Structure formats: structure tokens, C-alpha cells
Amino acid sequence: MTEAAHQAGVVAVHNADFEQGMYSSVLTGVRALGDDISAFFMLPVDIPLVRSETVSRLVDDFEQASPSILYPCFMGERGHPPLISRSLIPAIVNHDGTGGLRTVLDQNETGARDLDVADFGTVHDLDYPADYTLAKSLVDSPYPNHEECCQLWEMYSVPLNIVRHCQAVSRVAEALCQQLNCLRNGDCLDAALVRGAALTHDIGKGTKRHEIVGAERLHAHGFHVAADIALEHFDLLLPSEEPITEKEVVFLADKLVCGEKPVPLKVRYMNKIEQYRHEPGVEQAILGRLERATDIMARFDREMGVSTEQLAQEVLA
């Protein structure tokens, strides 16, 4: 482990008194800190999935608010790593170890602050073999799991009707994904990516150019592949020589759902023309998007051997 730390550019400090318990390791680490630091993270070794974007957000928030302790908070639960002000070092060093570091932090709750994060890794430790198996399946995941989607909806105050729309789009997208995967030989689409991207494709809704805002929000939390899908769910071109990917699946599913209900593709776009007809140039732009979406749906229909619109109607019946 020391070698791995060195390769990552980290200074490893050995705790010669490790037999005295975990708090002795806390003291060893804290005493090794330089005088020029303003705060430090405390991350147990069995919390391996914290995203680098989460760490960056904690640092940015700490620099603005200067709390005594800054906790990442996921689904209402405080997680790791807390960012601890150097002002607490004397209290940590002088503590007798009873109750561990938690005792010192609890005694300084007045100056503590929580930061909501869309990071399941902040609360997932490796106590049991099943925890390790789950961690291996999630490491470096470029899209949110279901709990992270729920956290994103909460963080960005996504209205309930938009949440329900995203859930309906997800159901259609997963059905399209399953149908395509059944017909492909080994070249399978990632159903978990489709689900995570579909559930969050509209988290920028209500803002100008919501697809750009949504992508920026996903990037900020480390969900970069899902962000790329969200960025292009508004309009998409699929060249004939390119394969159908998760991006096209989410795009088409979104275009076949109005609110929570299935809608024929042409009706979806005609409704938009009726809504924005008074704006110069909009009708022509929408007709162009309809043409591209129609081409994509035709590809799906050919490859699946069934009507995409019919499948959406069955899924949302």
C-alpha cells in the first residue's frame, strides 16, 4: 500500500503504534501535517469510491464558507471524507481517544456544515464481501445509480412532473435497450448507463438551453458519459454508418414520451411547432429535428424488427 501511495504522489506516514487502535493512526496523520495547511480530509481506507469531483466540491465550499468541519451529505446521511479545519488539530491531539475522532467532531458541531453530494461512494464502506463486490461494479462509473439520480433531483429541485417524465423515458429506454440487446451478438448496450442517463437527462429543465445546463451539472458530479448523453438528447444526427448507442436510445425514448404518456413521434414535434410557431425560424428548425428523429426511429424499427412507437405504447400502457 505504501508503494501505491508513492506512485500516486502521496507521502505515506507509518504509525508505529498501530496496535493501540485506530485513533493512534489519526494522531500520526495529524501530527505529520505541515503548518501551511488550512484543513485536511479524513478518509478511512475502506471508503474507496469517493469521486474526485466530490473532493473538489468540498474544497471549493470550504474555501467560501470556512466551517470547522465540512461533511459530504448523501441522501440525508453524512459520509466521508469530512474536511476538517486546522483549528481542530489541538483538540484532536489532546483528546484521549475515547470514542475516537467522532467524539472530537461531535464536540465541534456548532461550526460544522453539510454539503449535499450525488456520490454514493461517500457512504459505502467495505465491511462485508458483498460490499466489496458492489464496489467493484461501481468503481469509476461514469453515470449515476438510482440513488444518485434521486439525490440529483433533490439537489437541483427538479419538479415532480419532470421527475415522472424522466422515469417514463427510462422505462421506454430500458425496453428499447433490452430489445436491441436480444438481437445483438455480444455487442450489448449498457442498460445501467441507459437507465442513469434517462433518469437525469432533464435535470436542467426550466433553464435556458436546459440540455447544456443538465450536462454541466452531471459533469460537475463526475457522471461524464451520462452528461454527454444529456447534452444531445434535444437533437441528434445518426450517420448511416454509425451504430446505435446508448445516446440514441435515450434520445428516441425521450421523443416518444410526452409528460408520462407515450406519443407518436410526429405528433410530439407538431405540438412543438404549434407551441412556438410565433417565433421566427422555429418551425423550420423543428421540422429539421423531426426529420433527423424520424431517420433514427427508422433505424431502430429495422434493427429491432418491431415498431418503436408500438413498444413505447406497450411499456407505458
Protein backbone atom coordinates (compact mmCIF):
# COMPACT_ATOMS: atom_id res chain seq x y z
CA MET A 1 0.00 0.00 0.00
CA THR A 2 2.89 2.36 0.73
CA GLU A 3 4.24 1.79 -2.78
CA ALA A 4 0.82 2.54 -4.28
CA ALA A 5 0.69 5.76 -2.25
CA HIS A 6 4.12 6.81 -3.51
CA GLN A 7 3.09 6.14 -7.10
CA ALA A 8 0.09 8.42 -6.59
CA GLY A 9 2.34 11.20 -5.32
CA VAL A 10 1.25 10.81 -1.71
CA VAL A 11 3.51 10.94 1.34
CA ALA A 12 2.96 7.78 3.41
CA VAL A 13 3.37 8.08 7.17
CA HIS A 14 3.87 4.90 9.20
CA ASN A 15 2.09 4.52 12.53
CA ALA A 16 4.49 2.59 14.75
CA ASP A 17 1.81 2.48 17.47
CA PHE A 18 -0.90 0.91 15.33
CA GLU A 19 -1.61 -1.76 17.95
CA GLN A 20 -3.03 0.99 20.18
CA GLY A 21 -6.02 1.34 17.86
CA MET A 22 -7.40 3.50 15.09
CA TYR A 23 -7.09 6.77 16.96
CA SER A 24 -3.34 6.35 17.10
CA SER A 25 -3.36 6.41 13.28
CA VAL A 26 -5.44 9.59 13.34
CA LEU A 27 -2.86 11.21 15.63
CA THR A 28 0.04 10.03 13.48
CA GLY A 29 -1.51 11.55 10.37
CA VAL A 30 -2.49 14.82 12.01
CA ARG A 31 0.94 15.31 13.58
CA ALA A 32 2.56 14.85 10.18
CA LEU A 33 0.64 17.73 8.63
CA GLY A 34 2.56 20.84 7.64
CA ASP A 35 2.00 24.24 9.20
CA ASP A 36 0.82 25.66 5.89
CA ILE A 37 -2.39 23.63 5.60
CA SER A 38 -5.76 25.21 6.35
CA ALA A 39 -7.73 21.96 6.53
CA PHE A 40 -7.40 18.24 5.93
CA PHE A 41 -9.54 15.29 4.87
CA MET A 42 -10.01 12.19 6.98
CA LEU A 43 -10.81 9.20 4.76
CA PRO A 44 -10.81 5.62 6.12
CA VAL A 45 -9.21 3.07 3.83
CA ASP A 46 -12.47 1.11 3.50
CA ILE A 47 -14.27 4.04 1.79
CA PRO A 48 -12.72 3.70 -1.70
CA LEU A 49 -15.35 5.06 -4.08
CA VAL A 50 -15.39 8.79 -3.33
CA ARG A 51 -15.28 10.73 -6.59
CA SER A 52 -12.57 13.30 -7.24
CA GLU A 53 -15.31 15.74 -8.23
CA THR A 54 -16.79 15.36 -4.74
CA VAL A 55 -13.43 16.21 -3.20
CA SER A 56 -13.16 19.30 -5.42
CA ARG A 57 -16.65 20.47 -4.48
CA LEU A 58 -15.83 20.07 -0.78
CA VAL A 59 -12.66 22.12 -1.18
CA ASP A 60 -14.49 24.88 -3.07
CA ASP A 61 -17.28 25.06 -0.50
CA PHE A 62 -14.81 25.06 2.40
CA GLU A 63 -12.88 27.96 0.90
CA GLN A 64 -16.07 30.00 0.65
CA ALA A 65 -17.70 29.14 3.99
CA SER A 66 -14.69 28.28 6.26
CA PRO A 67 -16.56 25.88 8.59
CA SER A 68 -14.82 23.96 11.37
CA ILE A 69 -15.94 20.73 9.67
CA LEU A 70 -17.47 20.18 6.24
CA TYR A 71 -19.31 16.90 5.73
CA PRO A 72 -20.39 15.42 2.39
CA CYS A 73 -24.06 14.51 2.73
CA PHE A 74 -25.75 11.84 0.59
CA MET A 75 -29.48 11.12 0.82
CA GLY A 76 -29.61 12.82 4.20
CA GLU A 77 -26.66 10.86 5.61
CA ARG A 78 -23.29 12.34 6.46
CA GLY A 79 -20.46 10.47 4.81
CA HIS A 80 -16.72 10.55 4.19
CA PRO A 81 -14.39 12.28 3.94
CA PRO A 82 -15.10 15.17 6.29
CA LEU A 83 -12.93 18.22 5.60
CA ILE A 84 -11.60 19.36 8.99
CA SER A 85 -10.23 22.81 9.78
CA ARG A 86 -6.71 23.01 11.20
CA SER A 87 -8.27 24.88 14.13
CA LEU A 88 -9.39 21.49 15.45
CA ILE A 89 -5.90 19.99 15.49
CA PRO A 90 -5.22 20.92 19.15
CA ALA A 91 -8.50 19.30 20.22
CA ILE A 92 -7.65 16.16 18.24
CA VAL A 93 -4.11 15.91 19.60
CA ASN A 94 -5.23 16.49 23.20
CA HIS A 95 -8.13 14.05 23.07
CA ASP A 96 -7.60 10.79 24.99
CA GLY A 97 -9.06 8.70 22.17
CA THR A 98 -12.35 7.80 23.88
CA GLY A 99 -14.97 7.41 21.17
CA GLY A 100 -12.36 8.09 18.51
CA LEU A 101 -12.32 11.09 16.20
CA ARG A 102 -16.11 11.11 16.18
CA THR A 103 -16.12 12.43 19.75
CA VAL A 104 -13.98 15.43 18.82
CA LEU A 105 -16.07 16.19 15.76
CA ASP A 106 -19.32 15.94 17.70
CA GLN A 107 -17.96 18.37 20.28
CA ASN A 108 -17.45 20.91 17.49
CA GLU A 109 -20.83 20.55 15.83
CA THR A 110 -21.64 24.26 16.18
CA GLY A 111 -19.22 25.22 13.42
CA ALA A 112 -19.98 22.22 11.19
CA ARG A 113 -21.60 22.41 7.78
CA ASP A 114 -23.11 19.85 5.36
CA LEU A 115 -22.68 19.79 1.59
CA ASP A 116 -25.09 17.70 -0.47
CA VAL A 117 -23.27 15.45 -2.93
CA ALA A 118 -24.51 12.99 -5.55
CA ASP A 119 -21.92 10.42 -4.53
CA PHE A 120 -22.94 7.00 -3.22
CA GLY A 121 -19.27 6.32 -2.53
CA THR A 122 -19.25 8.75 0.40
CA VAL A 123 -21.45 6.38 2.43
CA HIS A 124 -20.37 2.99 1.07
CA ASP A 125 -17.78 1.13 3.12
CA LEU A 126 -16.41 -2.38 2.70
CA ASP A 127 -17.48 -4.26 5.81
CA TYR A 128 -18.59 -7.44 4.05
CA PRO A 129 -17.75 -9.39 0.85
CA ALA A 130 -20.99 -8.20 -0.75
CA ASP A 131 -19.88 -4.59 -0.17
CA TYR A 132 -16.64 -5.30 -2.00
CA THR A 133 -18.45 -6.94 -4.90
CA LEU A 134 -20.75 -3.95 -5.23
CA ALA A 135 -17.81 -1.54 -5.04
CA LYS A 136 -16.05 -3.35 -7.91
CA SER A 137 -19.15 -2.94 -10.09
CA LEU A 138 -19.39 0.78 -9.35
CA VAL A 139 -15.76 1.94 -9.41
CA ASP A 140 -15.25 4.86 -11.82
CA SER A 141 -18.86 4.58 -13.03
CA PRO A 142 -19.46 7.47 -15.47
CA TYR A 143 -23.20 7.56 -14.81
CA PRO A 144 -25.38 7.81 -11.68
CA ASN A 145 -27.03 4.86 -9.98
CA HIS A 146 -30.67 5.15 -8.91
CA GLU A 147 -29.92 6.66 -5.50
CA GLU A 148 -27.60 9.22 -7.08
CA CYS A 149 -30.34 10.12 -9.56
CA CYS A 150 -32.72 10.74 -6.65
CA GLN A 151 -30.10 12.91 -4.97
CA LEU A 152 -29.58 14.94 -8.15
CA TRP A 153 -33.33 15.56 -8.45
CA GLU A 154 -33.35 16.79 -4.87
CA MET A 155 -30.23 18.95 -5.19
CA TYR A 156 -31.47 20.74 -8.29
CA SER A 157 -35.12 20.97 -7.18
CA VAL A 158 -36.35 19.07 -10.23
CA PRO A 159 -40.17 19.42 -10.33
CA LEU A 160 -42.20 16.25 -9.76
CA ASN A 161 -43.67 16.31 -13.26
CA ILE A 162 -40.16 16.33 -14.74
CA VAL A 163 -39.08 13.50 -12.44
CA ARG A 164 -42.05 11.45 -13.60
CA HIS A 165 -41.24 12.26 -17.22
CA CYS A 166 -37.67 11.05 -16.70
CA GLN A 167 -38.95 7.86 -15.08
CA ALA A 168 -41.25 7.21 -18.04
CA VAL A 169 -38.41 7.88 -20.50
CA SER A 170 -36.24 5.47 -18.52
CA ARG A 171 -38.84 2.72 -18.81
CA VAL A 172 -39.06 3.14 -22.58
CA ALA A 173 -35.28 3.45 -22.98
CA GLU A 174 -34.67 0.27 -20.99
CA ALA A 175 -37.21 -1.60 -23.12
CA LEU A 176 -35.50 -0.41 -26.31
CA CYS A 177 -32.15 -1.40 -24.88
CA GLN A 178 -33.40 -4.87 -23.96
CA GLN A 179 -34.93 -5.40 -27.38
CA LEU A 180 -31.73 -4.40 -29.17
CA ASN A 181 -29.51 -6.47 -26.88
CA CYS A 182 -31.61 -9.56 -27.54
CA LEU A 183 -30.86 -9.22 -31.24
CA ARG A 184 -27.16 -8.38 -30.99
CA ASN A 185 -24.34 -10.88 -30.77
CA GLY A 186 -22.11 -9.74 -27.93
CA ASP A 187 -22.24 -6.04 -28.85
CA CYS A 188 -24.55 -5.15 -25.99
CA LEU A 189 -25.68 -1.75 -24.83
CA ASP A 190 -25.13 -0.82 -21.18
CA ALA A 191 -28.58 -0.94 -19.60
CA ALA A 192 -27.36 0.75 -16.39
CA LEU A 193 -25.98 3.68 -18.41
CA VAL A 194 -29.25 3.98 -20.31
CA ARG A 195 -31.18 3.99 -17.03
CA GLY A 196 -28.94 6.55 -15.30
CA ALA A 197 -28.81 8.88 -18.30
CA ALA A 198 -32.55 8.66 -18.93
CA LEU A 199 -33.39 9.42 -15.30
CA THR A 200 -31.23 12.55 -15.33
CA HIS A 201 -31.43 13.82 -18.91
CA ASP A 202 -33.75 16.67 -17.88
CA ILE A 203 -32.14 17.86 -14.63
CA GLY A 204 -31.51 21.18 -16.34
CA LYS A 205 -35.16 21.61 -17.31
CA GLY A 206 -36.53 25.07 -16.62
CA THR A 207 -33.32 26.82 -17.62
CA LYS A 208 -32.31 28.31 -20.96
CA ARG A 209 -30.66 25.60 -23.11
CA HIS A 210 -31.54 23.04 -20.48
CA GLU A 211 -29.59 20.29 -22.21
CA ILE A 212 -26.35 22.26 -21.74
CA VAL A 213 -27.14 23.06 -18.11
CA GLY A 214 -28.05 19.44 -17.41
CA ALA A 215 -24.80 18.22 -18.95
CA GLU A 216 -22.81 20.73 -16.89
CA ARG A 217 -24.49 19.54 -13.71
CA LEU A 218 -23.73 15.89 -14.48
CA HIS A 219 -20.12 16.70 -15.34
CA ALA A 220 -19.75 18.55 -12.03
CA HIS A 221 -20.51 15.33 -10.16
CA GLY A 222 -18.34 13.05 -12.28
CA PHE A 223 -21.04 11.49 -14.47
CA HIS A 224 -19.30 12.35 -17.72
CA VAL A 225 -20.77 9.77 -20.10
CA ALA A 226 -24.29 10.46 -18.85
CA ALA A 227 -23.53 14.16 -19.34
CA ASP A 228 -22.65 13.58 -22.98
CA ILE A 229 -26.00 11.85 -23.49
CA ALA A 230 -27.92 14.63 -21.74
CA LEU A 231 -26.17 17.20 -23.92
CA GLU A 232 -27.51 15.62 -27.13
CA HIS A 233 -30.98 14.48 -26.07
CA PHE A 234 -32.52 17.64 -27.58
CA ASP A 235 -31.38 16.99 -31.16
CA LEU A 236 -29.29 14.22 -32.66
CA LEU A 237 -27.95 13.06 -36.00
CA LEU A 238 -27.11 9.37 -36.54
CA PRO A 239 -25.00 8.81 -39.69
CA SER A 240 -25.98 5.63 -41.55
CA GLU A 241 -22.56 4.06 -41.00
CA GLU A 242 -22.63 4.61 -37.22
CA PRO A 243 -24.13 2.04 -34.81
CA ILE A 244 -26.98 2.73 -32.41
CA THR A 245 -25.57 3.53 -28.97
CA GLU A 246 -26.98 4.36 -25.54
CA LYS A 247 -27.14 8.01 -26.65
CA GLU A 248 -29.64 7.25 -29.43
CA VAL A 249 -31.67 5.01 -27.12
CA VAL A 250 -32.21 7.79 -24.57
CA PHE A 251 -32.78 10.38 -27.29
CA LEU A 252 -35.52 8.39 -29.03
CA ALA A 253 -37.18 7.31 -25.79
CA ASP A 254 -37.44 10.96 -24.78
CA LYS A 255 -39.07 11.85 -28.09
CA LEU A 256 -41.68 9.11 -27.68
CA VAL A 257 -42.82 10.35 -24.26
CA CYS A 258 -44.86 13.50 -23.60
CA GLY A 259 -45.11 14.06 -19.87
CA GLU A 260 -45.62 10.50 -18.64
CA LYS A 261 -47.56 9.27 -21.69
CA PRO A 262 -46.48 7.74 -25.00
CA VAL A 263 -46.77 9.98 -28.03
CA PRO A 264 -46.24 9.36 -31.77
CA LEU A 265 -43.01 10.95 -32.91
CA LYS A 266 -44.59 13.25 -35.48
CA VAL A 267 -47.25 14.44 -33.01
CA ARG A 268 -44.51 15.30 -30.49
CA TYR A 269 -42.82 17.66 -32.96
CA MET A 270 -46.03 19.06 -34.44
CA ASN A 271 -47.11 20.05 -30.94
CA LYS A 272 -43.84 21.94 -30.56
CA ILE A 273 -44.44 23.77 -33.83
CA GLU A 274 -47.90 24.80 -32.65
CA GLN A 275 -46.44 25.99 -29.35
CA TYR A 276 -43.61 28.08 -30.85
CA ARG A 277 -44.98 28.96 -34.30
CA HIS A 278 -44.94 32.69 -33.49
CA GLU A 279 -41.14 32.71 -33.13
CA PRO A 280 -39.25 33.43 -36.40
CA GLY A 281 -37.45 30.43 -37.90
CA VAL A 282 -38.64 27.99 -35.25
CA GLU A 283 -40.98 25.96 -37.47
CA GLN A 284 -38.22 25.18 -39.96
CA ALA A 285 -35.80 24.25 -37.18
CA ILE A 286 -38.32 21.88 -35.58
CA LEU A 287 -39.09 20.25 -38.93
CA GLY A 288 -35.35 19.64 -39.35
CA ARG A 289 -35.18 17.98 -35.94
CA LEU A 290 -38.23 15.89 -36.82
CA GLU A 291 -36.56 14.66 -39.98
CA ARG A 292 -33.45 13.59 -38.07
CA ALA A 293 -35.50 11.92 -35.35
CA THR A 294 -37.60 10.09 -37.95
CA ASP A 295 -34.44 8.70 -39.57
CA ILE A 296 -33.22 7.48 -36.18
CA MET A 297 -36.56 5.82 -35.40
CA ALA A 298 -36.49 4.08 -38.78
CA ARG A 299 -33.09 2.62 -37.87
CA PHE A 300 -34.50 1.32 -34.60
CA ASP A 301 -37.52 -0.20 -36.31
CA ARG A 302 -35.33 -2.01 -38.84
CA GLU A 303 -32.85 -3.32 -36.29
CA MET A 304 -35.46 -4.39 -33.73
CA GLY A 305 -37.96 -5.79 -36.20
CA VAL A 306 -40.80 -4.13 -34.29
CA SER A 307 -42.37 -0.69 -34.18
CA THR A 308 -40.59 1.60 -31.75
CA GLU A 309 -43.73 3.64 -31.22
CA GLN A 310 -45.74 0.50 -30.52
CA LEU A 311 -43.16 -0.67 -27.99
CA ALA A 312 -43.32 2.66 -26.17
CA GLN A 313 -47.11 2.45 -26.02
CA GLU A 314 -46.97 -1.05 -24.57
CA VAL A 315 -44.38 -0.11 -21.95
CA LEU A 316 -46.35 2.91 -20.72
CA ALA A 317 -49.83 1.39 -21.06
